[in-house]
Amino acid sequence: MSHQIRRSVPSLTALVAFEAAGRHENFTRAAAELGVSQAAVSRQIAALEADLGVALFIRANRRAQLTVGGKSLYDAVKDGFDAIADAVTRLRTAHVDLTVSVSIAFAHFCLLPILSSFRATAPQIGVRVISEDDWRAPHDRTIDLAIRYGRPPFDGMSIVGSLAETVVPVCAPDIASRLAGIVIEDLIRQTDVALIACDAPEPSWLDWSQWLSQIGLTRTAVRAGLNFTSYSDAAYAAMAGQGVLLGWTGLLDRPLADGRLIELDLPRLCPEERHYVLVPENRQPSGAVKAFARWFQEGTFQQA
């Protein structure tokens, strides 16, 4: 059987290039992902097509669209690679009972400061934390529980708990003293203290212009003096006295409680979005998942 497989299955290198090209529908982006030249990807695809005797892509206008035969092979290759990845992950995490996916900011400010208390409550449960801003939990079969900001429904996930949020400008204590009594129009116009912004870690995350619009002060654009790709970095910059940040008070509860950040006396917005505790809806929650969800709801979250 292994001899027959070696004779019938094409080169693994060619299949890897094919899967990336099929997923991106673009040879150049596939090459960038794989760290090779576009010409190398083209050669691998051409060799695979010659081996199989069929065209796998329709090449037009810089796009590589899968043919019917190409789509059939792509689905099989993708399923095979996904199964291999799942098996490898299970082997690497055989000692893990619970895999939790959270945003990077939630990991920094909410989960990690209190995770030791869960370990003290349930030391027999091995925990793996995935900190990522990409929302892949519904498609990752290794994730048992996720915590995400947004608005229901969440595709493929059921809600077991939630944390309400309030959005208000926050800053370090010395900046708060300098800005005491300031009105929102002056905060936006002034140049002495930078407004801090970041790339949205979640699709429904508010920027300064959206926040102003929702509190009733419409502006076409707000120029931030400091911009970050990570909300965690933006929050640490605010704690360091580098400017004013839009603060999600549930997320930043600890730095607000210990005085590293201060709420400015400005309008508070209560968005419809919340942080939600989610579990896969097509999977029976394990004892470890139930224990973690119960611990989190009792210590941090409101019951859904």
Protein backbone atom coordinates (compact mmCIF):
# COMPACT_ATOMS: atom_id res chain seq x y z
CA MET A 1 0.00 0.00 0.00
CA SER A 2 2.77 2.50 0.89
CA HIS A 3 4.47 1.74 -2.46
CA GLN A 4 1.20 2.47 -4.30
CA ILE A 5 0.78 5.75 -2.40
CA ARG A 6 4.29 6.86 -3.33
CA ARG A 7 3.54 6.15 -6.97
CA SER A 8 0.09 7.80 -7.10
CA VAL A 9 0.47 10.85 -4.83
CA PRO A 10 2.29 13.85 -6.36
CA SER A 11 5.17 15.70 -4.75
CA LEU A 12 4.30 17.08 -1.31
CA THR A 13 6.12 20.31 -2.21
CA ALA A 14 3.90 20.69 -5.27
CA LEU A 15 0.76 20.02 -3.21
CA VAL A 16 1.79 22.64 -0.63
CA ALA A 17 2.27 25.21 -3.41
CA PHE A 18 -1.03 24.17 -4.99
CA GLU A 19 -2.97 24.49 -1.71
CA ALA A 20 -1.57 27.98 -1.05
CA ALA A 21 -2.27 29.11 -4.63
CA GLY A 22 -5.81 27.70 -4.50
CA ARG A 23 -6.54 29.36 -1.17
CA HIS A 24 -5.26 32.76 -2.28
CA GLU A 25 -6.33 32.38 -5.92
CA ASN A 26 -3.07 34.15 -6.65
CA PHE A 27 0.41 32.75 -7.30
CA THR A 28 2.22 35.86 -6.04
CA ARG A 29 0.47 35.83 -2.63
CA ALA A 30 1.03 32.09 -2.35
CA ALA A 31 4.74 32.61 -3.04
CA ALA A 32 4.95 35.34 -0.39
CA GLU A 33 3.33 33.03 2.18
CA LEU A 34 5.69 30.16 1.35
CA GLY A 35 8.80 32.35 1.18
CA VAL A 36 9.65 31.41 -2.41
CA SER A 37 9.50 33.18 -5.76
CA GLN A 38 6.36 33.43 -7.85
CA ALA A 39 8.20 31.58 -10.59
CA ALA A 40 8.87 28.67 -8.23
CA VAL A 41 5.15 28.37 -7.43
CA SER A 42 4.31 28.52 -11.14
CA ARG A 43 6.80 25.73 -11.87
CA GLN A 44 5.36 23.52 -9.14
CA ILE A 45 1.81 24.05 -10.41
CA ALA A 46 2.84 23.43 -14.01
CA ALA A 47 4.61 20.20 -13.01
CA LEU A 48 1.53 19.08 -11.06
CA GLU A 49 -0.74 19.79 -14.03
CA ALA A 50 1.60 17.86 -16.33
CA ASP A 51 1.67 14.93 -13.91
CA LEU A 52 -2.15 14.81 -13.63
CA GLY A 53 -2.85 15.67 -17.24
CA VAL A 54 -5.45 18.33 -16.39
CA ALA A 55 -5.51 22.09 -15.95
CA LEU A 56 -5.92 23.07 -12.30
CA PHE A 57 -6.23 26.84 -12.72
CA ILE A 58 -7.69 29.35 -15.14
CA ARG A 59 -5.08 32.10 -15.26
CA ALA A 60 -6.57 35.52 -16.07
CA ASN A 61 -6.11 39.13 -14.92
CA ARG A 62 -3.52 38.23 -12.26
CA ARG A 63 -6.03 35.84 -10.70
CA ALA A 64 -5.67 32.06 -10.63
CA GLN A 65 -9.16 30.57 -10.47
CA LEU A 66 -9.53 26.86 -9.76
CA THR A 67 -11.02 24.72 -12.51
CA VAL A 68 -13.61 22.08 -11.66
CA GLY A 69 -10.86 19.47 -11.44
CA GLY A 70 -8.67 21.88 -9.49
CA LYS A 71 -11.44 22.54 -6.96
CA SER A 72 -11.91 18.79 -6.46
CA LEU A 73 -8.20 18.32 -5.78
CA TYR A 74 -8.03 21.45 -3.61
CA ASP A 75 -10.85 20.25 -1.32
CA ALA A 76 -9.13 16.89 -0.87
CA VAL A 77 -5.70 18.44 -0.24
CA LYS A 78 -7.11 21.01 2.20
CA ASP A 79 -8.99 18.35 4.16
CA GLY A 80 -5.84 16.22 4.29
CA PHE A 81 -3.63 19.08 5.46
CA ASP A 82 -6.24 20.10 8.07
CA ALA A 83 -6.37 16.53 9.38
CA ILE A 84 -2.57 16.38 9.58
CA ALA A 85 -2.44 19.74 11.38
CA ASP A 86 -5.10 18.61 13.86
CA ALA A 87 -3.23 15.36 14.55
CA VAL A 88 0.06 17.21 15.08
CA THR A 89 -1.60 19.70 17.43
CA ARG A 90 -3.20 16.89 19.44
CA LEU A 91 0.16 15.17 19.82
CA ARG A 92 1.89 18.39 20.84
CA THR A 93 -0.82 19.22 23.37
CA ALA A 94 -1.61 15.73 24.65
CA HIS A 95 -1.14 17.05 28.21
CA VAL A 96 -3.63 19.89 27.65
CA ASP A 97 -7.23 19.48 28.84
CA LEU A 98 -8.49 22.91 27.82
CA THR A 99 -7.54 25.27 24.97
CA VAL A 100 -8.79 28.85 25.35
CA SER A 101 -8.69 31.46 22.58
CA VAL A 102 -8.69 35.15 23.56
CA SER A 103 -7.69 38.44 21.95
CA ILE A 104 -4.20 39.68 22.77
CA ALA A 105 -5.54 42.57 24.84
CA PHE A 106 -7.92 40.34 26.79
CA ALA A 107 -5.06 37.97 27.56
CA HIS A 108 -2.90 40.83 28.85
CA PHE A 109 -5.42 42.71 30.94
CA CYS A 110 -8.09 40.20 32.00
CA LEU A 111 -7.00 36.59 31.77
CA LEU A 112 -3.32 36.40 32.68
CA PRO A 113 -3.59 38.46 35.91
CA ILE A 114 -6.11 35.96 37.34
CA LEU A 115 -5.24 32.69 35.62
CA SER A 116 -3.29 31.46 38.64
CA SER A 117 -6.52 31.41 40.65
CA PHE A 118 -8.03 28.93 38.19
CA ARG A 119 -4.89 26.82 38.42
CA ALA A 120 -5.28 26.88 42.21
CA THR A 121 -8.93 25.86 41.89
CA ALA A 122 -8.33 23.09 39.34
CA PRO A 123 -4.62 22.16 39.30
CA GLN A 124 -5.40 18.90 37.51
CA ILE A 125 -6.59 20.74 34.37
CA GLY A 126 -3.87 21.59 31.86
CA VAL A 127 -4.60 24.90 30.10
CA ARG A 128 -3.36 26.19 26.76
CA VAL A 129 -4.02 29.88 25.97
CA ILE A 130 -4.04 31.07 22.35
CA SER A 131 -3.67 34.86 22.19
CA GLU A 132 -4.71 36.06 18.75
CA ASP A 133 -6.76 38.81 17.20
CA ASP A 134 -7.74 36.66 14.20
CA TRP A 135 -11.14 35.08 14.81
CA ARG A 136 -10.60 31.42 13.86
CA ALA A 137 -12.23 29.59 16.77
CA PRO A 138 -15.25 28.25 14.81
CA HIS A 139 -12.89 26.66 12.29
CA ASP A 140 -10.22 25.42 14.70
CA ARG A 141 -11.26 22.08 16.17
CA THR A 142 -8.59 22.29 18.88
CA ILE A 143 -10.23 25.32 20.58
CA ASP A 144 -12.56 24.43 23.46
CA LEU A 145 -13.58 27.90 24.63
CA ALA A 146 -13.17 31.43 23.24
CA ILE A 147 -13.64 34.94 24.63
CA ARG A 148 -14.49 37.54 22.01
CA TYR A 149 -15.84 41.08 21.81
CA GLY A 150 -18.76 41.64 19.48
CA ARG A 151 -22.47 41.18 19.00
CA PRO A 152 -24.32 37.84 18.67
CA PRO A 153 -24.74 35.61 16.85
CA PHE A 154 -21.25 34.08 16.65
CA ASP A 155 -21.06 31.57 13.83
CA GLY A 156 -20.72 28.05 15.18
CA MET A 157 -20.47 29.16 18.82
CA SER A 158 -22.83 29.23 21.81
CA ILE A 159 -22.72 31.92 24.52
CA VAL A 160 -22.17 30.86 28.14
CA GLY A 161 -21.26 34.22 29.70
CA SER A 162 -20.72 37.90 28.94
CA LEU A 163 -19.07 41.08 30.20
CA ALA A 164 -20.74 44.46 29.55
CA GLU A 165 -18.50 47.28 28.38
CA THR A 166 -18.33 51.08 28.64
CA VAL A 167 -16.17 53.14 26.30
CA VAL A 168 -14.67 56.40 27.61
CA PRO A 169 -11.39 58.30 27.12
CA VAL A 170 -8.71 57.24 29.62
CA CYS A 171 -5.17 58.35 30.37
CA ALA A 172 -2.42 58.33 33.00
CA PRO A 173 -3.02 60.28 36.24
CA ASP A 174 -0.68 63.18 35.37
CA ILE A 175 -2.38 63.65 31.99
CA ALA A 176 -5.80 63.47 33.68
CA SER A 177 -4.75 66.31 36.02
CA ARG A 178 -3.66 68.46 33.07
CA LEU A 179 -6.95 67.79 31.25
CA ALA A 180 -9.27 68.25 34.27
CA GLY A 181 -12.51 69.91 33.20
CA ILE A 182 -11.77 69.71 29.47
CA VAL A 183 -14.72 69.31 27.12
CA ILE A 184 -14.68 66.82 24.28
CA GLU A 185 -14.42 69.48 21.53
CA ASP A 186 -11.28 70.92 23.15
CA LEU A 187 -9.78 67.46 23.66
CA ILE A 188 -10.08 66.78 19.94
CA ARG A 189 -8.70 70.18 18.93
CA GLN A 190 -5.78 70.45 21.34
CA THR A 191 -2.28 69.36 20.27
CA ASP A 192 -0.40 69.20 23.58
CA VAL A 193 -1.65 65.70 24.42
CA ALA A 194 -1.79 63.06 21.71
CA LEU A 195 -4.87 61.04 20.95
CA ILE A 196 -3.88 57.36 20.84
CA ALA A 197 -5.42 55.02 18.29
CA CYS A 198 -4.89 51.41 17.22
CA ASP A 199 -5.86 48.99 14.50
CA ALA A 200 -9.21 47.42 15.37
CA PRO A 201 -8.64 44.05 17.10
CA GLU A 202 -12.32 43.19 16.50
CA PRO A 203 -14.63 44.12 13.57
CA SER A 204 -16.97 46.16 15.78
CA TRP A 205 -14.19 47.98 17.66
CA LEU A 206 -14.78 51.76 17.73
CA ASP A 207 -12.27 54.35 16.59
CA TRP A 208 -12.30 57.97 17.73
CA SER A 209 -14.54 59.18 14.86
CA GLN A 210 -17.09 56.43 15.47
CA TRP A 211 -17.12 57.07 19.22
CA LEU A 212 -17.67 60.80 18.65
CA SER A 213 -20.50 60.08 16.23
CA GLN A 214 -22.22 57.74 18.66
CA ILE A 215 -22.12 60.27 21.51
CA GLY A 216 -23.66 62.85 19.18
CA LEU A 217 -20.64 64.87 18.03
CA THR A 218 -20.29 64.21 14.33
CA ARG A 219 -16.88 64.73 12.77
CA THR A 220 -15.60 63.44 9.47
CA ALA A 221 -12.17 62.49 10.76
CA VAL A 222 -10.01 62.65 13.87
CA ARG A 223 -6.24 62.74 13.59
CA ALA A 224 -4.51 60.58 16.20
CA GLY A 225 -1.04 61.58 17.28
CA LEU A 226 0.00 58.01 18.10
CA ASN A 227 -1.10 54.88 16.23
CA PHE A 228 -0.45 51.26 17.16
CA THR A 229 -1.21 47.91 15.55
CA SER A 230 -2.05 46.43 18.97
CA TYR A 231 -4.57 47.66 21.55
CA SER A 232 -2.30 46.31 24.29
CA ASP A 233 0.55 48.55 23.10
CA ALA A 234 -1.84 51.49 22.87
CA ALA A 235 -3.02 50.89 26.45
CA TYR A 236 0.55 50.66 27.76
CA ALA A 237 1.38 53.90 25.94
CA ALA A 238 -1.55 55.57 27.71
CA MET A 239 -0.35 54.21 31.08
CA ALA A 240 3.09 55.66 30.32
CA GLY A 241 1.58 59.14 29.93
CA GLN A 242 1.89 59.36 26.17
CA GLY A 243 -1.68 60.43 25.45
CA VAL A 244 -5.41 59.72 25.70
CA LEU A 245 -6.90 56.40 24.63
CA LEU A 246 -10.46 55.19 24.12
CA GLY A 247 -10.78 52.77 27.02
CA TRP A 248 -13.04 49.71 27.27
CA THR A 249 -13.58 49.78 31.02
CA GLY A 250 -14.37 46.07 31.42
CA LEU A 251 -11.25 45.13 29.53
CA LEU A 252 -9.11 47.69 31.42
CA ASP A 253 -10.72 47.11 34.80
CA ARG A 254 -7.43 46.34 36.58
CA PRO A 255 -5.34 49.32 35.40
CA LEU A 256 -8.36 51.54 36.12
CA ALA A 257 -8.79 50.03 39.59
CA ASP A 258 -5.13 50.39 40.57
CA GLY A 259 -4.82 53.94 39.22
CA ARG A 260 -2.55 53.33 36.26
CA LEU A 261 -5.36 54.72 34.11
CA ILE A 262 -7.96 57.37 34.94
CA GLU A 263 -11.31 57.95 33.25
CA LEU A 264 -11.71 61.51 31.98
CA ASP A 265 -14.93 63.27 32.94
CA LEU A 266 -16.35 62.91 29.44
CA PRO A 267 -19.39 61.13 27.97
CA ARG A 268 -19.46 57.38 28.58
CA LEU A 269 -20.76 55.19 25.78
CA CYS A 270 -22.37 51.80 26.51
CA PRO A 271 -22.11 49.85 23.23
CA GLU A 272 -24.33 46.93 22.34
CA GLU A 273 -21.22 44.80 21.94
CA ARG A 274 -19.82 42.85 24.89
CA HIS A 275 -17.06 40.39 25.65
CA TYR A 276 -18.63 36.93 25.38
CA VAL A 277 -17.54 33.51 26.61
CA LEU A 278 -18.18 31.08 23.74
CA VAL A 279 -18.05 27.33 23.26
CA PRO A 280 -18.44 25.31 20.03
CA GLU A 281 -22.14 24.60 19.56
CA ASN A 282 -21.59 21.24 17.85
CA ARG A 283 -19.51 19.80 20.68
CA GLN A 284 -20.53 18.63 24.14
CA PRO A 285 -18.56 20.77 26.65
CA SER A 286 -16.04 18.75 28.62
CA GLY A 287 -15.73 18.88 32.38
CA ALA A 288 -12.69 21.16 31.97
CA VAL A 289 -14.68 23.59 29.80
CA LYS A 290 -17.56 23.67 32.30
CA ALA A 291 -15.14 24.25 35.20
CA PHE A 292 -13.37 27.12 33.41
CA ALA A 293 -16.62 28.77 32.28
CA ARG A 294 -18.08 28.52 35.78
CA TRP A 295 -14.93 29.99 37.34
CA PHE A 296 -14.87 32.86 34.86
CA GLN A 297 -18.56 33.68 35.26
CA GLU A 298 -18.29 33.72 39.04
CA GLY A 299 -15.15 35.85 39.10
CA THR A 300 -15.42 38.11 36.07
CA PHE A 301 -18.47 37.63 33.88
CA GLN A 302 -22.18 38.04 34.12
CA GLN A 303 -24.27 34.96 33.39
CA ALA A 304 -25.46 34.98 29.77
